[in-house]
Amino acid sequence: MASLGKKRAGSSGDEGIVARVTRTVSDSAIMNTAKNAANDAAYVAKRLAKSTGKAAWIAGTTFLILVVPLIIEMDREQQFNELELQQQSLLGAPPAPINKEISIRKELNKFGAELEA
């Protein structure tokens, strides 16, 4: 038994087949090239994700600053027009037709003027 323990703890010449094959494969140039390619792909993916996150943040904040106030103002104008129509109908005047295209153009022009000011 004691001699068996010495044999296993001996030199690297007594390595098993699996250990030798594993070492040979992991030390091969193909394996090193594959590891480098995987590392490069992971680096590029990480940078791409970071850039995409920054772009999404910029797009989101731009939307909040520029588009949301426009939507709120257009909704307010629509409510005001509906209120005017309701008041006109209560007073007995015939309701004036609302041309949505003209209303939208007015809103866009107003918003453009607000941005320039």
N, C-alpha and C. Protein backbone atom coordinates (compact mmCIF):
# COMPACT_ATOMS: atom_id res chain seq x y z
N MET A 1 0.81 -1.18 0.00
CA MET A 1 0.00 0.00 0.00
C MET A 1 0.87 1.26 0.00
N ALA A 2 1.90 1.29 0.80
CA ALA A 2 2.75 2.46 0.90
C ALA A 2 3.43 2.72 -0.44
N SER A 3 3.80 1.68 -1.14
CA SER A 3 4.45 1.87 -2.43
C SER A 3 3.46 2.41 -3.46
N LEU A 4 2.19 2.08 -3.33
CA LEU A 4 1.19 2.60 -4.24
C LEU A 4 1.02 4.09 -4.07
N GLY A 5 1.04 4.57 -2.83
CA GLY A 5 0.92 6.00 -2.55
C GLY A 5 2.08 6.77 -3.14
N LYS A 6 3.26 6.19 -3.08
CA LYS A 6 4.42 6.85 -3.64
C LYS A 6 4.32 6.93 -5.15
N LYS A 7 3.76 5.92 -5.75
CA LYS A 7 3.65 5.88 -7.19
C LYS A 7 2.72 6.99 -7.69
N ARG A 8 1.61 7.21 -6.98
CA ARG A 8 0.64 8.22 -7.40
C ARG A 8 1.20 9.63 -7.16
N ALA A 9 1.93 9.81 -6.11
CA ALA A 9 2.48 11.13 -5.79
C ALA A 9 3.78 11.37 -6.52
N GLY A 10 4.17 10.52 -7.39
CA GLY A 10 5.46 10.59 -8.07
C GLY A 10 5.51 11.66 -9.14
N SER A 11 6.40 11.46 -10.11
CA SER A 11 6.67 12.44 -11.15
C SER A 11 5.50 12.58 -12.12
N SER A 12 5.59 13.61 -12.97
CA SER A 12 4.51 13.89 -13.91
C SER A 12 4.47 12.85 -15.03
N GLY A 13 5.45 11.98 -15.10
CA GLY A 13 5.44 10.93 -16.11
C GLY A 13 4.34 9.92 -15.83
N ASP A 14 3.83 9.90 -14.64
CA ASP A 14 2.77 8.97 -14.28
C ASP A 14 1.38 9.59 -14.43
N GLU A 15 1.26 10.67 -15.18
CA GLU A 15 -0.04 11.33 -15.38
C GLU A 15 -0.99 10.39 -16.11
N GLY A 16 -2.27 10.60 -15.85
CA GLY A 16 -3.26 9.81 -16.54
C GLY A 16 -3.49 10.34 -17.96
N ILE A 17 -4.13 9.54 -18.75
CA ILE A 17 -4.39 9.90 -20.15
C ILE A 17 -5.26 11.15 -20.22
N VAL A 18 -6.30 11.21 -19.40
CA VAL A 18 -7.21 12.35 -19.43
C VAL A 18 -6.46 13.64 -19.09
N ALA A 19 -5.59 13.60 -18.10
CA ALA A 19 -4.84 14.78 -17.71
C ALA A 19 -3.92 15.24 -18.83
N ARG A 20 -3.27 14.29 -19.48
CA ARG A 20 -2.37 14.65 -20.59
C ARG A 20 -3.14 15.25 -21.75
N VAL A 21 -4.29 14.68 -22.10
CA VAL A 21 -5.09 15.19 -23.21
C VAL A 21 -5.63 16.58 -22.87
N THR A 22 -6.09 16.75 -21.65
CA THR A 22 -6.62 18.04 -21.23
C THR A 22 -5.55 19.12 -21.30
N ARG A 23 -4.36 18.78 -20.80
CA ARG A 23 -3.26 19.75 -20.83
C ARG A 23 -2.86 20.06 -22.27
N THR A 24 -2.83 19.06 -23.13
CA THR A 24 -2.45 19.26 -24.52
C THR A 24 -3.46 20.15 -25.23
N VAL A 25 -4.73 19.90 -24.98
CA VAL A 25 -5.78 20.69 -25.63
C VAL A 25 -5.77 22.13 -25.12
N SER A 26 -5.62 22.30 -23.81
CA SER A 26 -5.67 23.66 -23.25
C SER A 26 -4.43 24.47 -23.61
N ASP A 27 -3.32 23.82 -23.93
CA ASP A 27 -2.11 24.53 -24.32
C ASP A 27 -2.00 24.74 -25.83
N SER A 28 -2.95 24.27 -26.60
CA SER A 28 -2.85 24.36 -28.06
C SER A 28 -3.10 25.79 -28.54
N ALA A 29 -2.56 26.10 -29.70
CA ALA A 29 -2.71 27.43 -30.29
C ALA A 29 -4.16 27.69 -30.67
N ILE A 30 -4.87 26.69 -31.09
CA ILE A 30 -6.28 26.85 -31.47
C ILE A 30 -7.10 27.25 -30.25
N MET A 31 -6.82 26.62 -29.13
CA MET A 31 -7.55 26.93 -27.91
C MET A 31 -7.25 28.36 -27.45
N ASN A 32 -5.99 28.78 -27.53
CA ASN A 32 -5.64 30.15 -27.16
C ASN A 32 -6.32 31.16 -28.08
N THR A 33 -6.35 30.85 -29.37
CA THR A 33 -7.03 31.73 -30.32
C THR A 33 -8.51 31.82 -30.01
N ALA A 34 -9.15 30.70 -29.68
CA ALA A 34 -10.57 30.68 -29.35
C ALA A 34 -10.84 31.48 -28.07
N LYS A 35 -9.96 31.35 -27.07
CA LYS A 35 -10.12 32.12 -25.84
C LYS A 35 -10.02 33.61 -26.11
N ASN A 36 -9.03 34.00 -26.92
CA ASN A 36 -8.86 35.41 -27.26
C ASN A 36 -10.07 35.95 -28.02
N ALA A 37 -10.59 35.14 -28.94
CA ALA A 37 -11.76 35.57 -29.70
C ALA A 37 -12.97 35.72 -28.78
N ALA A 38 -13.15 34.81 -27.84
CA ALA A 38 -14.26 34.90 -26.90
C ALA A 38 -14.12 36.13 -26.01
N ASN A 39 -12.90 36.42 -25.55
CA ASN A 39 -12.66 37.61 -24.74
C ASN A 39 -12.95 38.89 -25.53
N ASP A 40 -12.51 38.92 -26.79
CA ASP A 40 -12.77 40.09 -27.63
C ASP A 40 -14.26 40.27 -27.87
N ALA A 41 -14.97 39.18 -28.13
CA ALA A 41 -16.42 39.26 -28.35
C ALA A 41 -17.14 39.74 -27.10
N ALA A 42 -16.72 39.28 -25.95
CA ALA A 42 -17.34 39.73 -24.69
C ALA A 42 -17.08 41.21 -24.47
N TYR A 43 -15.88 41.67 -24.77
CA TYR A 43 -15.55 43.09 -24.61
C TYR A 43 -16.41 43.95 -25.54
N VAL A 44 -16.52 43.55 -26.79
CA VAL A 44 -17.33 44.30 -27.76
C VAL A 44 -18.80 44.31 -27.34
N ALA A 45 -19.30 43.17 -26.89
CA ALA A 45 -20.70 43.10 -26.44
C ALA A 45 -20.94 44.02 -25.24
N LYS A 46 -19.99 44.06 -24.33
CA LYS A 46 -20.12 44.93 -23.15
C LYS A 46 -20.14 46.40 -23.57
N ARG A 47 -19.23 46.77 -24.46
CA ARG A 47 -19.18 48.16 -24.92
C ARG A 47 -20.45 48.52 -25.69
N LEU A 48 -20.95 47.60 -26.50
CA LEU A 48 -22.18 47.84 -27.27
C LEU A 48 -23.37 48.03 -26.34
N ALA A 49 -23.45 47.21 -25.31
CA ALA A 49 -24.54 47.34 -24.34
C ALA A 49 -24.46 48.68 -23.62
N LYS A 50 -23.26 49.09 -23.28
CA LYS A 50 -23.07 50.37 -22.59
C LYS A 50 -23.47 51.53 -23.51
N SER A 51 -23.08 51.48 -24.77
CA SER A 51 -23.43 52.53 -25.73
C SER A 51 -24.93 52.57 -25.97
N THR A 52 -25.54 51.39 -26.08
CA THR A 52 -26.98 51.33 -26.30
C THR A 52 -27.73 51.91 -25.10
N GLY A 53 -27.25 51.65 -23.92
CA GLY A 53 -27.87 52.21 -22.72
C GLY A 53 -27.78 53.73 -22.71
N LYS A 54 -26.63 54.26 -23.10
CA LYS A 54 -26.48 55.71 -23.15
C LYS A 54 -27.42 56.32 -24.19
N ALA A 55 -27.51 55.68 -25.35
CA ALA A 55 -28.40 56.18 -26.40
C ALA A 55 -29.86 56.14 -25.95
N ALA A 56 -30.24 55.08 -25.26
CA ALA A 56 -31.62 54.97 -24.77
C ALA A 56 -31.89 56.06 -23.74
N TRP A 57 -30.94 56.36 -22.88
CA TRP A 57 -31.10 57.41 -21.88
C TRP A 57 -31.28 58.77 -22.57
N ILE A 58 -30.46 59.04 -23.57
CA ILE A 58 -30.56 60.32 -24.30
C ILE A 58 -31.90 60.43 -25.00
N ALA A 59 -32.32 59.36 -25.67
CA ALA A 59 -33.61 59.38 -26.37
C ALA A 59 -34.76 59.56 -25.38
N GLY A 60 -34.71 58.89 -24.27
CA GLY A 60 -35.79 59.00 -23.28
C GLY A 60 -35.90 60.38 -22.68
N THR A 61 -34.78 60.96 -22.31
CA THR A 61 -34.83 62.30 -21.72
C THR A 61 -35.23 63.34 -22.75
N THR A 62 -34.78 63.18 -23.99
CA THR A 62 -35.19 64.10 -25.05
C THR A 62 -36.69 64.03 -25.26
N PHE A 63 -37.24 62.81 -25.25
CA PHE A 63 -38.68 62.64 -25.40
C PHE A 63 -39.41 63.35 -24.27
N LEU A 64 -38.94 63.17 -23.04
CA LEU A 64 -39.60 63.79 -21.90
C LEU A 64 -39.55 65.32 -21.96
N ILE A 65 -38.44 65.85 -22.41
CA ILE A 65 -38.27 67.30 -22.41
C ILE A 65 -38.99 67.96 -23.58
N LEU A 66 -38.98 67.33 -24.75
CA LEU A 66 -39.53 67.97 -25.94
C LEU A 66 -40.94 67.52 -26.32
N VAL A 67 -41.22 66.24 -26.24
CA VAL A 67 -42.47 65.72 -26.79
C VAL A 67 -43.60 65.74 -25.77
N VAL A 68 -43.34 65.41 -24.54
CA VAL A 68 -44.40 65.35 -23.53
C VAL A 68 -45.08 66.71 -23.35
N PRO A 69 -44.35 67.83 -23.25
CA PRO A 69 -45.05 69.11 -23.15
C PRO A 69 -45.93 69.41 -24.38
N LEU A 70 -45.48 69.00 -25.55
CA LEU A 70 -46.29 69.19 -26.76
C LEU A 70 -47.59 68.40 -26.66
N ILE A 71 -47.51 67.17 -26.22
CA ILE A 71 -48.71 66.34 -26.08
C ILE A 71 -49.65 66.95 -25.05
N ILE A 72 -49.12 67.43 -23.95
CA ILE A 72 -49.95 68.04 -22.91
C ILE A 72 -50.64 69.29 -23.45
N GLU A 73 -49.89 70.12 -24.17
CA GLU A 73 -50.47 71.36 -24.72
C GLU A 73 -51.54 71.05 -25.77
N MET A 74 -51.31 70.05 -26.59
CA MET A 74 -52.31 69.68 -27.60
C MET A 74 -53.58 69.15 -26.93
N ASP A 75 -53.42 68.39 -25.86
CA ASP A 75 -54.58 67.89 -25.13
C ASP A 75 -55.34 69.04 -24.48
N ARG A 76 -54.62 69.98 -23.91
CA ARG A 76 -55.25 71.15 -23.29
C ARG A 76 -56.04 71.95 -24.34
N GLU A 77 -55.45 72.15 -25.53
CA GLU A 77 -56.13 72.87 -26.60
C GLU A 77 -57.38 72.14 -27.06
N GLN A 78 -57.30 70.83 -27.16
CA GLN A 78 -58.46 70.04 -27.56
C GLN A 78 -59.58 70.17 -26.52
N GLN A 79 -59.23 70.12 -25.24
CA GLN A 79 -60.25 70.29 -24.20
C GLN A 79 -60.86 71.68 -24.26
N PHE A 80 -60.04 72.69 -24.53
CA PHE A 80 -60.56 74.05 -24.65
C PHE A 80 -61.52 74.17 -25.82
N ASN A 81 -61.18 73.58 -26.96
CA ASN A 81 -62.06 73.60 -28.13
C ASN A 81 -63.38 72.88 -27.84
N GLU A 82 -63.31 71.77 -27.17
CA GLU A 82 -64.53 71.05 -26.82
C GLU A 82 -65.40 71.87 -25.87
N LEU A 83 -64.78 72.57 -24.93
CA LEU A 83 -65.51 73.43 -24.01
C LEU A 83 -66.19 74.58 -24.76
N GLU A 84 -65.47 75.19 -25.70
CA GLU A 84 -66.06 76.25 -26.52
C GLU A 84 -67.26 75.74 -27.30
N LEU A 85 -67.14 74.56 -27.89
CA LEU A 85 -68.26 73.98 -28.64
C LEU A 85 -69.45 73.73 -27.72
N GLN A 86 -69.19 73.25 -26.54
CA GLN A 86 -70.27 72.98 -25.59
C GLN A 86 -70.94 74.29 -25.17
N GLN A 87 -70.16 75.33 -24.94
CA GLN A 87 -70.74 76.62 -24.56
C GLN A 87 -71.55 77.22 -25.71
N GLN A 88 -71.05 77.07 -26.93
CA GLN A 88 -71.78 77.58 -28.08
C GLN A 88 -73.11 76.86 -28.26
N SER A 89 -73.08 75.55 -28.06
CA SER A 89 -74.33 74.79 -28.21
C SER A 89 -75.32 75.17 -27.11
N LEU A 90 -74.86 75.49 -25.91
CA LEU A 90 -75.76 75.91 -24.83
C LEU A 90 -76.34 77.29 -25.10
N LEU A 91 -75.58 78.15 -25.76
CA LEU A 91 -76.05 79.51 -26.06
C LEU A 91 -76.91 79.54 -27.31
N GLY A 92 -77.00 78.48 -28.03
CA GLY A 92 -77.86 78.39 -29.20
C GLY A 92 -77.19 78.70 -30.52
N ALA A 93 -75.92 79.01 -30.52
CA ALA A 93 -75.22 79.26 -31.77
C ALA A 93 -74.91 77.93 -32.45
N PRO A 94 -74.95 77.89 -33.78
CA PRO A 94 -74.61 76.64 -34.46
C PRO A 94 -73.14 76.31 -34.24
N PRO A 95 -72.82 75.04 -33.99
CA PRO A 95 -71.42 74.68 -33.74
C PRO A 95 -70.56 74.87 -34.99
N ALA A 96 -69.43 75.48 -34.80
CA ALA A 96 -68.50 75.70 -35.90
C ALA A 96 -67.71 74.42 -36.14
N PRO A 97 -67.53 74.06 -37.42
CA PRO A 97 -66.74 72.84 -37.68
C PRO A 97 -65.27 73.08 -37.32
N ILE A 98 -64.66 72.07 -36.73
CA ILE A 98 -63.25 72.16 -36.34
C ILE A 98 -62.43 71.38 -37.36
N ASN A 99 -61.54 72.06 -37.97
CA ASN A 99 -60.64 71.41 -38.90
C ASN A 99 -59.41 70.97 -38.12
N LYS A 100 -59.25 69.67 -37.95
CA LYS A 100 -58.17 69.15 -37.11
C LYS A 100 -56.79 69.48 -37.67
N GLU A 101 -56.67 69.50 -38.98
CA GLU A 101 -55.37 69.79 -39.57
C GLU A 101 -54.92 71.20 -39.22
N ILE A 102 -55.83 72.16 -39.27
CA ILE A 102 -55.49 73.53 -38.93
C ILE A 102 -55.13 73.63 -37.45
N SER A 103 -55.89 72.92 -36.61
CA SER A 103 -55.62 72.93 -35.17
C SER A 103 -54.24 72.36 -34.87
N ILE A 104 -53.90 71.28 -35.53
CA ILE A 104 -52.58 70.66 -35.31
C ILE A 104 -51.47 71.59 -35.78
N ARG A 105 -51.68 72.26 -36.93
CA ARG A 105 -50.66 73.19 -37.42
C ARG A 105 -50.47 74.35 -36.45
N LYS A 106 -51.58 74.85 -35.89
CA LYS A 106 -51.48 75.93 -34.92
C LYS A 106 -50.66 75.49 -33.71
N GLU A 107 -50.91 74.28 -33.24
CA GLU A 107 -50.18 73.77 -32.08
C GLU A 107 -48.70 73.63 -32.38
N LEU A 108 -48.39 73.11 -33.55
CA LEU A 108 -46.98 72.94 -33.91
C LEU A 108 -46.30 74.29 -34.05
N ASN A 109 -47.00 75.26 -34.63
CA ASN A 109 -46.42 76.61 -34.77
C ASN A 109 -46.21 77.24 -33.40
N LYS A 110 -47.18 77.04 -32.50
CA LYS A 110 -47.05 77.58 -31.14
C LYS A 110 -45.85 76.95 -30.44
N PHE A 111 -45.73 75.64 -30.58
CA PHE A 111 -44.62 74.93 -29.93
C PHE A 111 -43.30 75.38 -30.51
N GLY A 112 -43.25 75.59 -31.82
CA GLY A 112 -42.02 76.08 -32.45
C GLY A 112 -41.67 77.45 -31.97
N ALA A 113 -42.68 78.31 -31.79
CA ALA A 113 -42.43 79.67 -31.30
C ALA A 113 -41.94 79.64 -29.86
N GLU A 114 -42.46 78.71 -29.05
CA GLU A 114 -42.02 78.58 -27.67
C GLU A 114 -40.56 78.14 -27.61
N LEU A 115 -40.17 77.26 -28.52
CA LEU A 115 -38.78 76.80 -28.53
C LEU A 115 -37.82 77.90 -28.94
N GLU A 116 -38.25 78.75 -29.89
CA GLU A 116 -37.37 79.83 -30.36
C GLU A 116 -37.22 80.92 -29.31
N ALA A 117 -38.22 81.12 -28.50
CA ALA A 117 -38.20 82.22 -27.51
C ALA A 117 -37.28 81.95 -26.36
